[in-house]
Amino acid sequence: IQDRRCLGTVVVLDGDVTPFTRVWCVLEAEVSLNEDRRRGGGGYFYDLAAWLPEGEQAYGGTPVPERATALLDLGPGKAAREVVEDNEADGLGCFPLAVARKV
């Protein structure tokens, strides 16, 4: 995390947000956030990834199939939503709301 070649941390979350209940993962989160501050902000990224379960969201009344999602840190005050799309007819979906509420 503290090596200058390291550009960020990716946290893979389950529906229970288990990593944030584990001491080692909480320590890594703290070190990651401090590394960004140490670099003056914007020099270290902290991304969140989660699995969107099938049927948790709907698009146009049709359940969205399961897929990978991520919230990407783009620097100070900037973020992007990323959803893996198999095909646009599947609908869009977004980061799982159940996970976002717990973060």
N, C-alpha and C. Protein backbone atom coordinates (compact mmCIF):
# COMPACT_ATOMS: atom_id res chain seq x y z
N ILE A 1 0.82 -1.20 0.00
CA ILE A 1 0.00 0.00 0.00
C ILE A 1 0.86 1.25 0.00
N GLN A 2 1.95 1.23 0.72
CA GLN A 2 2.77 2.44 0.85
C GLN A 2 3.87 2.57 -0.19
N ASP A 3 4.00 1.57 -1.04
CA ASP A 3 4.97 1.65 -2.12
C ASP A 3 4.47 2.69 -3.14
N ARG A 4 5.33 3.58 -3.59
CA ARG A 4 4.92 4.64 -4.54
C ARG A 4 4.34 4.08 -5.83
N ARG A 5 4.72 2.85 -6.18
CA ARG A 5 4.19 2.25 -7.41
C ARG A 5 2.75 1.78 -7.25
N CYS A 6 2.30 1.62 -6.02
CA CYS A 6 0.92 1.20 -5.74
C CYS A 6 0.00 2.40 -5.93
N LEU A 7 -0.99 2.26 -6.79
CA LEU A 7 -1.87 3.38 -7.11
C LEU A 7 -3.19 3.35 -6.34
N GLY A 8 -3.47 2.25 -5.64
CA GLY A 8 -4.72 2.21 -4.90
C GLY A 8 -5.05 0.86 -4.31
N THR A 9 -6.22 0.83 -3.69
CA THR A 9 -6.73 -0.37 -3.04
C THR A 9 -8.11 -0.67 -3.61
N VAL A 10 -8.40 -1.95 -3.83
CA VAL A 10 -9.73 -2.38 -4.24
C VAL A 10 -10.27 -3.27 -3.13
N VAL A 11 -11.45 -2.92 -2.62
CA VAL A 11 -12.10 -3.72 -1.58
C VAL A 11 -13.24 -4.48 -2.26
N VAL A 12 -13.24 -5.80 -2.15
CA VAL A 12 -14.30 -6.63 -2.71
C VAL A 12 -15.29 -6.93 -1.59
N LEU A 13 -16.52 -6.44 -1.77
CA LEU A 13 -17.54 -6.54 -0.73
C LEU A 13 -18.58 -7.61 -1.05
N ASP A 14 -19.00 -8.32 -0.01
CA ASP A 14 -20.13 -9.23 -0.15
C ASP A 14 -21.37 -8.50 0.37
N GLY A 15 -22.51 -9.15 0.37
CA GLY A 15 -23.74 -8.53 0.80
C GLY A 15 -23.75 -8.11 2.25
N ASP A 16 -22.91 -8.73 3.06
CA ASP A 16 -22.82 -8.38 4.49
C ASP A 16 -21.70 -7.39 4.78
N VAL A 17 -20.99 -6.95 3.75
CA VAL A 17 -19.87 -6.01 3.87
C VAL A 17 -18.85 -6.56 4.89
N THR A 18 -18.59 -7.86 4.77
CA THR A 18 -17.72 -8.57 5.71
C THR A 18 -16.34 -7.95 5.88
N PRO A 19 -15.68 -7.45 4.81
CA PRO A 19 -14.33 -6.91 5.04
C PRO A 19 -14.28 -5.83 6.12
N PHE A 20 -15.32 -5.02 6.26
CA PHE A 20 -15.29 -3.96 7.26
C PHE A 20 -15.61 -4.45 8.67
N THR A 21 -15.80 -5.77 8.82
CA THR A 21 -15.96 -6.36 10.15
C THR A 21 -14.69 -7.09 10.59
N ARG A 22 -13.70 -7.11 9.73
CA ARG A 22 -12.42 -7.80 10.02
C ARG A 22 -11.34 -6.78 10.33
N VAL A 23 -10.68 -6.98 11.43
CA VAL A 23 -9.69 -6.01 11.91
C VAL A 23 -8.62 -5.74 10.85
N TRP A 24 -8.10 -6.78 10.20
CA TRP A 24 -7.03 -6.58 9.23
C TRP A 24 -7.51 -5.72 8.06
N CYS A 25 -8.74 -5.95 7.61
CA CYS A 25 -9.29 -5.17 6.50
C CYS A 25 -9.53 -3.71 6.90
N VAL A 26 -9.97 -3.51 8.14
CA VAL A 26 -10.17 -2.13 8.62
C VAL A 26 -8.82 -1.42 8.70
N LEU A 27 -7.78 -2.13 9.14
CA LEU A 27 -6.44 -1.56 9.18
C LEU A 27 -5.99 -1.18 7.77
N GLU A 28 -6.21 -2.06 6.79
CA GLU A 28 -5.84 -1.75 5.41
C GLU A 28 -6.59 -0.52 4.89
N ALA A 29 -7.87 -0.40 5.25
CA ALA A 29 -8.64 0.78 4.83
C ALA A 29 -8.04 2.04 5.43
N GLU A 30 -7.70 2.00 6.70
CA GLU A 30 -7.10 3.17 7.37
C GLU A 30 -5.76 3.53 6.75
N VAL A 31 -4.92 2.53 6.51
CA VAL A 31 -3.61 2.80 5.89
C VAL A 31 -3.81 3.37 4.48
N SER A 32 -4.78 2.84 3.74
CA SER A 32 -5.05 3.34 2.39
C SER A 32 -5.48 4.80 2.41
N LEU A 33 -6.40 5.14 3.30
CA LEU A 33 -6.87 6.53 3.37
C LEU A 33 -5.77 7.46 3.85
N ASN A 34 -4.94 7.01 4.78
CA ASN A 34 -3.81 7.82 5.23
C ASN A 34 -2.78 7.99 4.13
N GLU A 35 -2.62 6.98 3.29
CA GLU A 35 -1.66 7.07 2.18
C GLU A 35 -2.09 8.16 1.21
N ASP A 36 -3.40 8.26 0.96
CA ASP A 36 -3.90 9.33 0.09
C ASP A 36 -3.59 10.69 0.70
N ARG A 37 -3.81 10.84 1.99
CA ARG A 37 -3.50 12.12 2.67
C ARG A 37 -2.00 12.41 2.62
N ARG A 38 -1.20 11.36 2.83
CA ARG A 38 0.26 11.53 2.83
C ARG A 38 0.76 12.00 1.46
N ARG A 39 0.09 11.55 0.41
CA ARG A 39 0.48 11.94 -0.95
C ARG A 39 -0.14 13.27 -1.36
N GLY A 40 -0.86 13.91 -0.47
CA GLY A 40 -1.45 15.21 -0.77
C GLY A 40 -2.81 15.14 -1.43
N GLY A 41 -3.45 13.99 -1.39
CA GLY A 41 -4.78 13.84 -1.98
C GLY A 41 -4.71 13.63 -3.48
N GLY A 42 -5.52 12.72 -3.95
CA GLY A 42 -5.59 12.46 -5.39
C GLY A 42 -4.50 11.57 -5.94
N GLY A 43 -3.57 11.14 -5.11
CA GLY A 43 -2.49 10.30 -5.59
C GLY A 43 -2.67 8.83 -5.26
N TYR A 44 -3.78 8.49 -4.61
CA TYR A 44 -4.04 7.12 -4.21
C TYR A 44 -5.55 6.89 -4.30
N PHE A 45 -5.95 5.80 -4.90
CA PHE A 45 -7.37 5.55 -5.16
C PHE A 45 -7.91 4.42 -4.29
N TYR A 46 -9.17 4.50 -3.93
CA TYR A 46 -9.82 3.51 -3.06
C TYR A 46 -11.14 3.10 -3.72
N ASP A 47 -11.14 1.93 -4.38
CA ASP A 47 -12.29 1.47 -5.14
C ASP A 47 -13.06 0.39 -4.37
N LEU A 48 -14.36 0.32 -4.59
CA LEU A 48 -15.22 -0.69 -3.98
C LEU A 48 -15.84 -1.53 -5.08
N ALA A 49 -15.79 -2.85 -4.93
CA ALA A 49 -16.40 -3.77 -5.89
C ALA A 49 -17.40 -4.65 -5.17
N ALA A 50 -18.51 -4.96 -5.82
CA ALA A 50 -19.53 -5.83 -5.23
C ALA A 50 -20.29 -6.56 -6.32
N TRP A 51 -20.85 -7.70 -5.96
CA TRP A 51 -21.65 -8.49 -6.88
C TRP A 51 -23.11 -8.06 -6.74
N LEU A 52 -23.75 -7.78 -7.85
CA LEU A 52 -25.17 -7.44 -7.87
C LEU A 52 -25.95 -8.74 -8.07
N PRO A 53 -26.68 -9.22 -7.04
CA PRO A 53 -27.44 -10.47 -7.18
C PRO A 53 -28.58 -10.32 -8.19
N GLU A 54 -28.90 -11.41 -8.86
CA GLU A 54 -29.98 -11.39 -9.85
C GLU A 54 -31.30 -11.02 -9.19
N GLY A 55 -32.05 -10.13 -9.83
CA GLY A 55 -33.36 -9.76 -9.35
C GLY A 55 -33.38 -8.70 -8.26
N GLU A 56 -32.21 -8.26 -7.77
CA GLU A 56 -32.19 -7.23 -6.73
C GLU A 56 -32.63 -5.88 -7.28
N GLN A 57 -32.42 -5.67 -8.56
CA GLN A 57 -32.83 -4.42 -9.21
C GLN A 57 -33.61 -4.75 -10.48
N ALA A 58 -34.37 -3.78 -10.94
CA ALA A 58 -35.13 -3.97 -12.17
C ALA A 58 -34.88 -2.79 -13.10
N TYR A 59 -34.99 -3.04 -14.38
CA TYR A 59 -34.82 -2.02 -15.40
C TYR A 59 -36.00 -2.15 -16.36
N GLY A 60 -36.83 -1.12 -16.42
CA GLY A 60 -38.02 -1.19 -17.25
C GLY A 60 -38.97 -2.31 -16.84
N GLY A 61 -39.00 -2.61 -15.53
CA GLY A 61 -39.88 -3.66 -15.03
C GLY A 61 -39.32 -5.07 -15.14
N THR A 62 -38.16 -5.20 -15.75
CA THR A 62 -37.53 -6.52 -15.92
C THR A 62 -36.38 -6.66 -14.94
N PRO A 63 -36.30 -7.78 -14.19
CA PRO A 63 -35.19 -7.97 -13.26
C PRO A 63 -33.83 -7.92 -13.97
N VAL A 64 -32.89 -7.24 -13.37
CA VAL A 64 -31.53 -7.14 -13.92
C VAL A 64 -30.78 -8.42 -13.55
N PRO A 65 -30.13 -9.08 -14.52
CA PRO A 65 -29.35 -10.29 -14.22
C PRO A 65 -28.18 -9.98 -13.28
N GLU A 66 -27.67 -11.00 -12.62
CA GLU A 66 -26.52 -10.79 -11.73
C GLU A 66 -25.32 -10.33 -12.52
N ARG A 67 -24.46 -9.52 -11.87
CA ARG A 67 -23.28 -9.00 -12.55
C ARG A 67 -22.34 -8.31 -11.57
N ALA A 68 -21.12 -8.07 -12.03
CA ALA A 68 -20.12 -7.36 -11.23
C ALA A 68 -20.37 -5.85 -11.32
N THR A 69 -20.15 -5.15 -10.20
CA THR A 69 -20.28 -3.70 -10.17
C THR A 69 -19.11 -3.12 -9.40
N ALA A 70 -18.86 -1.82 -9.58
CA ALA A 70 -17.78 -1.16 -8.84
C ALA A 70 -18.08 0.32 -8.70
N LEU A 71 -17.60 0.88 -7.61
CA LEU A 71 -17.56 2.33 -7.43
C LEU A 71 -16.09 2.69 -7.52
N LEU A 72 -15.73 3.47 -8.52
CA LEU A 72 -14.33 3.78 -8.79
C LEU A 72 -13.98 5.18 -8.30
N ASP A 73 -12.90 5.28 -7.57
CA ASP A 73 -12.38 6.55 -7.07
C ASP A 73 -11.59 7.19 -8.21
N LEU A 74 -12.02 8.37 -8.63
CA LEU A 74 -11.33 9.08 -9.72
C LEU A 74 -10.53 10.27 -9.23
N GLY A 75 -10.34 10.37 -7.93
CA GLY A 75 -9.60 11.50 -7.38
C GLY A 75 -10.49 12.31 -6.46
N PRO A 76 -9.97 13.39 -5.91
CA PRO A 76 -10.71 14.19 -4.93
C PRO A 76 -12.11 14.59 -5.39
N GLY A 77 -13.11 14.08 -4.67
CA GLY A 77 -14.49 14.44 -4.96
C GLY A 77 -15.08 13.86 -6.22
N LYS A 78 -14.39 12.91 -6.86
CA LYS A 78 -14.87 12.34 -8.12
C LYS A 78 -14.97 10.83 -8.00
N ALA A 79 -16.04 10.27 -8.55
CA ALA A 79 -16.22 8.82 -8.55
C ALA A 79 -16.97 8.43 -9.81
N ALA A 80 -16.90 7.16 -10.16
CA ALA A 80 -17.62 6.64 -11.32
C ALA A 80 -18.24 5.31 -10.95
N ARG A 81 -19.37 5.05 -11.57
CA ARG A 81 -20.05 3.77 -11.39
C ARG A 81 -19.68 2.89 -12.57
N GLU A 82 -19.35 1.66 -12.31
CA GLU A 82 -19.00 0.74 -13.38
C GLU A 82 -19.83 -0.53 -13.19
N VAL A 83 -20.51 -0.94 -14.24
CA VAL A 83 -21.31 -2.16 -14.21
C VAL A 83 -20.92 -2.98 -15.43
N VAL A 84 -20.62 -4.25 -15.20
CA VAL A 84 -20.28 -5.12 -16.32
C VAL A 84 -21.57 -5.51 -17.03
N GLU A 85 -21.68 -5.14 -18.30
CA GLU A 85 -22.88 -5.41 -19.09
C GLU A 85 -22.61 -6.55 -20.07
N ASP A 86 -23.45 -7.57 -20.02
CA ASP A 86 -23.34 -8.64 -21.01
C ASP A 86 -23.96 -8.19 -22.33
N ASN A 87 -25.05 -7.45 -22.19
CA ASN A 87 -25.68 -6.89 -23.37
C ASN A 87 -26.70 -5.86 -22.88
N GLU A 88 -26.84 -4.79 -23.62
CA GLU A 88 -27.65 -3.66 -23.15
C GLU A 88 -29.10 -4.04 -22.89
N ALA A 89 -29.58 -5.08 -23.53
CA ALA A 89 -30.96 -5.52 -23.32
C ALA A 89 -31.17 -6.05 -21.90
N ASP A 90 -30.07 -6.41 -21.23
CA ASP A 90 -30.15 -6.90 -19.85
C ASP A 90 -30.52 -5.79 -18.87
N GLY A 91 -30.47 -4.54 -19.30
CA GLY A 91 -30.70 -3.42 -18.39
C GLY A 91 -29.38 -2.98 -17.80
N LEU A 92 -29.42 -1.88 -17.09
CA LEU A 92 -28.19 -1.29 -16.60
C LEU A 92 -27.79 -1.79 -15.23
N GLY A 93 -28.66 -1.64 -14.24
CA GLY A 93 -28.28 -2.01 -12.89
C GLY A 93 -27.30 -0.99 -12.34
N CYS A 94 -27.00 -1.08 -11.08
CA CYS A 94 -26.03 -0.20 -10.46
C CYS A 94 -25.46 -0.90 -9.21
N PHE A 95 -24.56 -0.22 -8.53
CA PHE A 95 -23.95 -0.78 -7.33
C PHE A 95 -25.07 -1.22 -6.39
N PRO A 96 -24.97 -2.41 -5.78
CA PRO A 96 -26.05 -2.93 -4.94
C PRO A 96 -26.41 -1.98 -3.78
N LEU A 97 -27.65 -1.58 -3.73
CA LEU A 97 -28.11 -0.65 -2.71
C LEU A 97 -27.94 -1.23 -1.30
N ALA A 98 -28.18 -2.53 -1.14
CA ALA A 98 -28.04 -3.17 0.16
C ALA A 98 -26.60 -3.05 0.68
N VAL A 99 -25.63 -3.15 -0.22
CA VAL A 99 -24.22 -3.01 0.15
C VAL A 99 -23.90 -1.53 0.43
N ALA A 100 -24.36 -0.65 -0.43
CA ALA A 100 -24.08 0.79 -0.27
C ALA A 100 -24.61 1.31 1.06
N ARG A 101 -25.75 0.83 1.51
CA ARG A 101 -26.31 1.28 2.79
C ARG A 101 -25.40 0.94 3.97
N LYS A 102 -24.67 -0.17 3.85
CA LYS A 102 -23.82 -0.64 4.95
C LYS A 102 -22.43 -0.01 4.94
N VAL A 103 -22.02 0.50 3.78
CA VAL A 103 -20.67 1.08 3.66
C VAL A 103 -20.65 2.36 4.34
